[in-house]
Amino acid sequence: MHRSLSPFLAAAVLCMGMPATAQTAPYPDKPIRIVVPFPAGGVADTFGREVGKKFTEAWGQPVVIDNRPGAGGNIGADIVAKSPPDGYTLVVGNIGTHAVNVSLMRSMPFDPVKDFTPIAHLLDAEGLLVVNPSVKASTLPQLIALARAEPGKLTYGSAGLGTTSHLAGELFKVMTKVDIVHVPYKGNVPAISDLLGGQTTMIFATMPTVLPQVHADRLRPLAVLGSARSPALPDVPTASESVPGFEVSNWVGLFGPAGLPPAIVARLNAEVQKIMLSPEVHKRLEAEGARFIPMTPVEFGAFQKAEIVKWAKTIKDANIKAD
C-alpha cells in the first residue's frame, strides 16, 4: 500500500525543493482551517482536533478547528467545496457527507466526488450489533433464524432516518432476507435507552456508544460490523463470518477542495499516516472502538466511490428518503 504513495511524496519533495522564483514559500506558510461539519465531541471532531494539533507541532503553523454542523454535515462540507484549492481549508468528512447524503437527500449543494480532493482516511468508528439480553439468540446465525421464524416481530432502533445505524439495518435485511422493523429515534441516546428497556430488539451501533452497556452485561454483542474483529471485543465475530460480504464502515476522512495540488495532497497524506500510526493515537483509537486503515489519496478516493455505489443501492432498494 505504501509503495503507491511514492509518486505523491516525490511530487511533494520536488515542489518543496523548488527555488523561490517557482514557489515563494513551502506549504504551509500560514494558518490552516479544518472544518468539522458536526458538533463538538463526536469522533470526527475528536480526531480532527488531534490531527490539527499534530499538524501544528510538525509544521509550526496554527490550525483552527471550525465546527459547522447542520444538514447532515452538508453545511460545513459545502464551505470547503467552495474554498480555494490551496491547502488552507480542509474538511473532516464522513460516510454521510461524502457517500450517503448524495443518494439520501433530495438536493445537494455539492458533488461529493467532483467538488473535493480525497486526502486521507482517518478512522473507522467500528460498528457493533447488540441485542437486549432477553432476546433468545446468542449468535448472529441464531438471530437470523429467529427473525425468519417470526417475520415482522423483531425491531431495530436507529439514531434516525438515513443514519449509519439505519442503513446498516436495511443492508442486513436485504442480505439475510429477514423482515425486521425499523424504529427511528432522534439520536443514539434515546435509541439505546429504549433498547435497554426492551422496547426494541437490537441496534447496529457505533462501538463507543454501546461498549459500556456491553461490559456491564446490559446488552449482548453478536457481531462486529467491520472487516476484522475488534481488539476491544476480540471474542466477538464479524458479521461477515456468518453473512459473507456484510460490512458497514462508519468512516471519517480528510478532504480538500477539488483541484488541490498533488504536492500538497502528498504532504498532508504523509503527515496523517505518521499521526494515525503513532502509538499514542493508536491507543486512543482502540479505546474509542475505532481503527485506522492506511490509504494513499488514490486508494481513499476509490474507497469513497465504492461506498457511494454501495449505499446508493441500499437506499434505493429500501426506498429511503430524507424528510
Protein backbone atom coordinates (compact mmCIF):
# COMPACT_ATOMS: atom_id res chain seq x y z
CA MET A 1 0.00 0.00 0.00
CA HIS A 2 2.78 2.39 0.91
CA ARG A 3 4.64 1.82 -2.40
CA SER A 4 1.85 3.53 -4.35
CA LEU A 5 2.32 6.65 -2.22
CA SER A 6 5.78 7.32 -3.65
CA PRO A 7 4.68 9.40 -6.70
CA PHE A 8 2.88 11.77 -4.33
CA LEU A 9 5.86 12.00 -1.99
CA ALA A 10 8.17 12.55 -4.94
CA ALA A 11 5.98 15.39 -6.13
CA ALA A 12 5.99 16.93 -2.68
CA VAL A 13 9.78 16.75 -2.39
CA LEU A 14 10.25 18.20 -5.87
CA CYS A 15 7.80 21.03 -5.23
CA MET A 16 9.21 21.96 -1.84
CA GLY A 17 12.72 21.93 -3.25
CA MET A 18 11.95 24.47 -5.97
CA PRO A 19 13.69 27.85 -5.92
CA ALA A 20 11.86 30.91 -4.65
CA THR A 21 11.09 32.03 -8.20
CA ALA A 22 8.86 28.97 -8.71
CA GLN A 23 7.38 28.80 -5.22
CA THR A 24 7.65 31.68 -2.76
CA ALA A 25 7.35 29.53 0.37
CA PRO A 26 6.91 25.86 1.22
CA TYR A 27 3.46 24.67 2.29
CA PRO A 28 2.18 25.56 4.83
CA ASP A 29 3.26 29.15 5.44
CA LYS A 30 0.06 30.39 7.14
CA PRO A 31 -2.71 29.02 9.40
CA ILE A 32 -4.81 26.05 8.23
CA ARG A 33 -8.56 25.84 8.80
CA ILE A 34 -10.10 22.40 9.30
CA VAL A 35 -13.89 22.44 9.06
CA VAL A 36 -15.66 19.77 11.11
CA PRO A 37 -19.26 19.64 9.80
CA PHE A 38 -20.54 18.05 13.02
CA PRO A 39 -21.00 19.16 16.64
CA ALA A 40 -18.05 19.16 19.04
CA GLY A 41 -17.40 15.99 20.99
CA GLY A 42 -18.04 13.33 18.34
CA VAL A 43 -15.38 11.04 16.95
CA ALA A 44 -14.88 13.19 13.81
CA ASP A 45 -14.37 16.26 15.98
CA THR A 46 -12.09 14.46 18.45
CA PHE A 47 -9.69 13.11 15.85
CA GLY A 48 -9.97 16.17 13.62
CA ARG A 49 -8.64 18.16 16.57
CA GLU A 50 -5.93 15.57 17.17
CA VAL A 51 -4.76 15.82 13.56
CA GLY A 52 -4.87 19.62 13.72
CA LYS A 53 -2.77 19.66 16.89
CA LYS A 54 -0.18 17.36 15.34
CA PHE A 55 -0.04 19.45 12.14
CA THR A 56 0.82 22.46 14.30
CA GLU A 57 3.51 20.52 16.16
CA ALA A 58 5.05 19.31 12.89
CA TRP A 59 4.82 22.50 10.83
CA GLY A 60 4.68 25.34 13.35
CA GLN A 61 1.51 26.81 11.85
CA PRO A 62 -1.74 27.28 13.79
CA VAL A 63 -4.65 25.03 12.86
CA VAL A 64 -8.16 26.34 13.50
CA ILE A 65 -10.92 23.78 14.04
CA ASP A 66 -14.21 25.22 12.77
CA ASN A 67 -17.34 23.26 13.78
CA ARG A 68 -20.12 23.92 11.25
CA PRO A 69 -22.86 21.34 11.87
CA GLY A 70 -26.17 21.12 10.06
CA ALA A 71 -27.97 19.38 7.18
CA GLY A 72 -26.30 16.05 7.87
CA GLY A 73 -22.86 17.65 7.58
CA ASN A 74 -23.59 19.31 4.24
CA ILE A 75 -23.32 22.88 5.53
CA GLY A 76 -19.72 22.51 6.67
CA ALA A 77 -18.68 20.37 3.72
CA ASP A 78 -20.11 22.90 1.27
CA ILE A 79 -17.92 25.65 2.75
CA VAL A 80 -14.84 23.64 1.83
CA ALA A 81 -16.20 22.61 -1.59
CA LYS A 82 -16.37 26.32 -2.47
CA SER A 83 -12.98 27.29 -0.96
CA PRO A 84 -9.76 27.95 -2.90
CA PRO A 85 -7.76 24.75 -3.58
CA ASP A 86 -4.64 25.96 -1.79
CA GLY A 87 -4.49 23.52 1.14
CA TYR A 88 -5.52 26.05 3.77
CA THR A 89 -9.17 24.99 4.06
CA LEU A 90 -9.86 21.28 4.65
CA VAL A 91 -12.82 19.26 5.88
CA VAL A 92 -13.24 16.20 8.08
CA GLY A 93 -15.90 14.40 6.05
CA ASN A 94 -17.54 11.07 6.74
CA ILE A 95 -19.71 8.35 5.26
CA GLY A 96 -22.68 10.74 5.38
CA THR A 97 -21.25 13.86 3.77
CA HIS A 98 -19.16 12.04 1.17
CA ALA A 99 -21.09 8.84 0.37
CA VAL A 100 -24.66 8.60 1.70
CA ASN A 101 -26.20 12.08 1.51
CA VAL A 102 -25.94 12.28 -2.27
CA SER A 103 -28.44 9.41 -2.59
CA LEU A 104 -30.47 10.18 0.51
CA MET A 105 -31.21 13.89 0.15
CA ARG A 106 -33.49 15.48 -2.43
CA SER A 107 -30.92 18.15 -3.30
CA MET A 108 -27.23 18.60 -2.62
CA PRO A 109 -25.18 21.82 -2.59
CA PHE A 110 -22.11 19.96 -3.88
CA ASP A 111 -20.96 16.83 -5.68
CA PRO A 112 -19.11 14.62 -3.15
CA VAL A 113 -16.64 13.45 -5.81
CA LYS A 114 -16.23 16.28 -8.32
CA ASP A 115 -16.05 19.07 -5.73
CA PHE A 116 -13.43 17.51 -3.42
CA THR A 117 -9.92 16.10 -3.38
CA PRO A 118 -9.58 12.95 -1.21
CA ILE A 119 -6.55 13.29 1.05
CA ALA A 120 -6.52 10.54 3.69
CA HIS A 121 -8.60 8.04 5.61
CA LEU A 122 -8.67 8.97 9.30
CA LEU A 123 -10.60 6.21 11.01
CA ASP A 124 -13.38 3.68 11.03
CA ALA A 125 -15.66 4.01 14.04
CA GLU A 126 -16.26 0.30 14.40
CA GLY A 127 -19.85 -0.90 14.44
CA LEU A 128 -21.42 -3.48 16.70
CA LEU A 129 -24.71 -5.36 16.51
CA VAL A 130 -26.11 -5.72 20.02
CA VAL A 131 -29.38 -7.14 21.32
CA ASN A 132 -31.35 -6.87 24.53
CA PRO A 133 -30.35 -9.80 26.81
CA SER A 134 -33.96 -11.06 26.76
CA VAL A 135 -33.61 -11.97 23.07
CA LYS A 136 -33.24 -15.72 22.61
CA ALA A 137 -30.18 -15.51 20.40
CA SER A 138 -26.55 -15.69 21.46
CA THR A 139 -25.05 -15.69 17.96
CA LEU A 140 -25.78 -13.93 14.69
CA PRO A 141 -26.99 -17.15 12.95
CA GLN A 142 -29.40 -17.70 15.84
CA LEU A 143 -30.71 -14.14 15.46
CA ILE A 144 -31.24 -14.64 11.74
CA ALA A 145 -33.07 -17.90 12.37
CA LEU A 146 -35.27 -16.20 14.99
CA ALA A 147 -36.08 -13.34 12.61
CA ARG A 148 -37.05 -15.78 9.87
CA ALA A 149 -39.24 -17.76 12.26
CA GLU A 150 -41.02 -14.61 13.46
CA PRO A 151 -41.20 -12.18 10.49
CA GLY A 152 -42.06 -8.61 11.41
CA LYS A 153 -41.74 -9.22 15.15
CA LEU A 154 -38.13 -8.19 15.81
CA THR A 155 -37.28 -4.48 15.77
CA TYR A 156 -34.12 -2.47 15.38
CA GLY A 157 -33.65 1.07 16.64
CA SER A 158 -31.56 3.71 14.91
CA ALA A 159 -30.25 7.20 15.56
CA GLY A 160 -32.57 8.47 12.84
CA LEU A 161 -33.61 8.13 9.22
CA GLY A 162 -30.63 7.74 6.91
CA THR A 163 -28.06 7.36 9.68
CA THR A 164 -25.49 4.59 9.52
CA SER A 165 -27.40 2.64 12.16
CA HIS A 166 -30.49 2.77 9.92
CA LEU A 167 -28.70 1.89 6.68
CA ALA A 168 -26.85 -1.00 8.35
CA GLY A 169 -30.21 -2.48 9.34
CA GLU A 170 -31.58 -2.12 5.82
CA LEU A 171 -28.47 -3.73 4.33
CA PHE A 172 -28.82 -6.56 6.86
CA LYS A 173 -32.46 -7.10 5.85
CA VAL A 174 -31.55 -7.33 2.17
CA MET A 175 -28.55 -9.61 2.62
CA THR A 176 -30.18 -12.03 5.09
CA LYS A 177 -33.72 -11.85 3.65
CA VAL A 178 -35.30 -11.20 7.04
CA ASP A 179 -38.26 -9.00 7.96
CA ILE A 180 -37.28 -6.79 10.91
CA VAL A 181 -38.94 -3.46 11.68
CA HIS A 182 -37.09 -0.14 11.79
CA VAL A 183 -37.78 2.18 14.74
CA PRO A 184 -36.13 5.60 14.19
CA TYR A 185 -35.14 7.86 17.09
CA LYS A 186 -33.70 11.34 17.34
CA GLY A 187 -30.17 10.29 18.20
CA ASN A 188 -28.29 7.39 19.76
CA VAL A 189 -29.18 8.13 23.39
CA PRO A 190 -32.96 7.53 23.16
CA ALA A 191 -32.43 4.59 20.80
CA ILE A 192 -30.09 2.85 23.22
CA SER A 193 -32.27 3.75 26.19
CA ASP A 194 -35.29 2.00 24.65
CA LEU A 195 -33.15 -1.00 23.71
CA LEU A 196 -32.02 -1.30 27.32
CA GLY A 197 -35.66 -1.10 28.39
CA GLY A 198 -36.69 -3.85 25.98
CA GLN A 199 -38.83 -1.63 23.73
CA THR A 200 -36.69 -2.69 20.75
CA THR A 201 -34.77 -5.86 19.96
CA MET A 202 -31.43 -4.69 18.57
CA ILE A 203 -29.33 -1.84 17.26
CA PHE A 204 -26.49 -1.57 14.73
CA ALA A 205 -24.46 0.92 16.75
CA THR A 206 -21.05 2.52 16.68
CA MET A 207 -18.98 0.68 19.25
CA PRO A 208 -18.21 3.56 21.65
CA THR A 209 -21.94 4.23 22.16
CA VAL A 210 -22.69 0.72 23.48
CA LEU A 211 -19.42 -0.65 24.89
CA PRO A 212 -20.17 0.44 28.48
CA GLN A 213 -23.51 -1.41 28.40
CA VAL A 214 -21.84 -4.48 26.86
CA HIS A 215 -19.19 -4.55 29.59
CA ALA A 216 -21.95 -4.20 32.20
CA ASP A 217 -23.82 -7.17 30.64
CA ARG A 218 -26.80 -4.95 29.92
CA LEU A 219 -26.52 -5.56 26.16
CA ARG A 220 -25.36 -8.69 24.33
CA PRO A 221 -22.91 -8.26 21.42
CA LEU A 222 -23.48 -10.58 18.47
CA ALA A 223 -21.26 -9.23 15.70
CA VAL A 224 -18.68 -6.60 14.81
CA LEU A 225 -19.77 -4.81 11.63
CA GLY A 226 -16.33 -4.09 10.16
CA SER A 227 -13.96 -6.25 8.15
CA ALA A 228 -11.98 -7.55 11.13
CA ARG A 229 -12.54 -8.46 14.76
CA SER A 230 -12.05 -5.61 17.19
CA PRO A 231 -9.32 -5.52 19.86
CA ALA A 232 -11.99 -4.08 22.15
CA LEU A 233 -14.04 -7.30 21.85
CA PRO A 234 -11.69 -9.93 20.38
CA ASP A 235 -14.05 -12.85 21.01
CA VAL A 236 -16.96 -11.31 19.10
CA PRO A 237 -17.03 -12.48 15.46
CA THR A 238 -17.52 -10.19 12.50
CA ALA A 239 -20.92 -10.20 10.81
CA SER A 240 -19.24 -11.28 7.57
CA GLU A 241 -18.21 -14.56 9.19
CA SER A 242 -21.90 -15.51 9.10
CA VAL A 243 -23.13 -13.20 6.31
CA PRO A 244 -20.36 -13.03 3.68
CA GLY A 245 -19.95 -9.54 2.27
CA PHE A 246 -21.82 -7.76 5.07
CA GLU A 247 -19.65 -4.88 6.18
CA VAL A 248 -20.55 -1.42 7.41
CA SER A 249 -17.72 1.07 7.70
CA ASN A 250 -18.68 4.22 9.62
CA TRP A 251 -15.64 6.03 8.31
CA VAL A 252 -14.12 9.50 8.63
CA GLY A 253 -11.63 11.08 6.26
CA LEU A 254 -9.81 14.28 5.33
CA PHE A 255 -10.75 16.12 2.12
CA GLY A 256 -9.82 19.36 0.41
CA PRO A 257 -11.50 21.29 -2.38
CA ALA A 258 -11.27 19.95 -5.93
CA GLY A 259 -8.02 20.79 -7.70
CA LEU A 260 -5.74 20.60 -4.66
CA PRO A 261 -2.12 20.38 -5.95
CA PRO A 262 -0.68 16.84 -5.77
CA ALA A 263 2.35 18.01 -3.77
CA ILE A 264 0.11 19.42 -1.03
CA VAL A 265 -2.08 16.30 -1.05
CA ALA A 266 1.05 14.17 -0.70
CA ARG A 267 2.38 16.18 2.22
CA LEU A 268 -0.95 16.10 4.06
CA ASN A 269 -1.40 12.37 3.46
CA ALA A 270 2.11 11.54 4.65
CA GLU A 271 1.62 13.55 7.85
CA VAL A 272 -1.76 11.92 8.54
CA GLN A 273 -0.15 8.47 8.14
CA LYS A 274 2.52 9.43 10.68
CA ILE A 275 -0.05 10.80 13.15
CA MET A 276 -2.59 7.98 12.94
CA LEU A 277 0.05 5.22 13.12
CA SER A 278 1.75 6.70 16.18
CA PRO A 279 1.47 4.58 19.36
CA GLU A 280 -0.29 7.44 21.18
CA VAL A 281 -3.09 7.80 18.63
CA HIS A 282 -3.33 4.05 18.04
CA LYS A 283 -4.05 3.60 21.75
CA ARG A 284 -6.75 6.29 21.63
CA LEU A 285 -8.36 4.67 18.60
CA GLU A 286 -8.58 1.32 20.35
CA ALA A 287 -10.11 2.95 23.42
CA GLU A 288 -12.76 4.55 21.18
CA GLY A 289 -13.52 1.29 19.36
CA ALA A 290 -12.04 2.69 16.15
CA ARG A 291 -9.21 1.87 13.78
CA PHE A 292 -7.07 3.49 11.12
CA ILE A 293 -6.59 1.99 7.64
CA PRO A 294 -3.57 3.44 5.79
CA MET A 295 -4.58 4.56 2.29
CA THR A 296 -2.95 6.63 -0.42
CA PRO A 297 -5.06 9.51 -1.76
CA VAL A 298 -5.90 7.42 -4.83
CA GLU A 299 -6.95 4.44 -2.70
CA PHE A 300 -9.04 6.66 -0.45
CA GLY A 301 -10.78 8.17 -3.48
CA ALA A 302 -11.54 4.72 -4.88
CA PHE A 303 -12.87 3.63 -1.49
CA GLN A 304 -15.16 6.68 -1.33
CA LYS A 305 -16.57 6.00 -4.81
CA ALA A 306 -17.26 2.36 -3.92
CA GLU A 307 -19.10 3.50 -0.78
CA ILE A 308 -21.29 5.84 -2.85
CA VAL A 309 -22.30 2.97 -5.14
CA LYS A 310 -22.89 0.56 -2.26
CA TRP A 311 -25.17 2.87 -0.27
CA ALA A 312 -26.99 4.22 -3.33
CA LYS A 313 -28.22 0.67 -3.99
CA THR A 314 -29.20 0.12 -0.34
CA ILE A 315 -31.09 3.43 -0.20
CA LYS A 316 -32.88 2.71 -3.48
CA ASP A 317 -33.79 -0.87 -2.53
CA ALA A 318 -35.17 0.28 0.82
CA ASN A 319 -36.89 3.34 -0.73
CA ILE A 320 -35.37 5.66 1.92
CA LYS A 321 -35.87 9.41 1.52
CA ALA A 322 -34.79 12.16 3.88
CA ASP A 323 -37.57 14.36 5.25
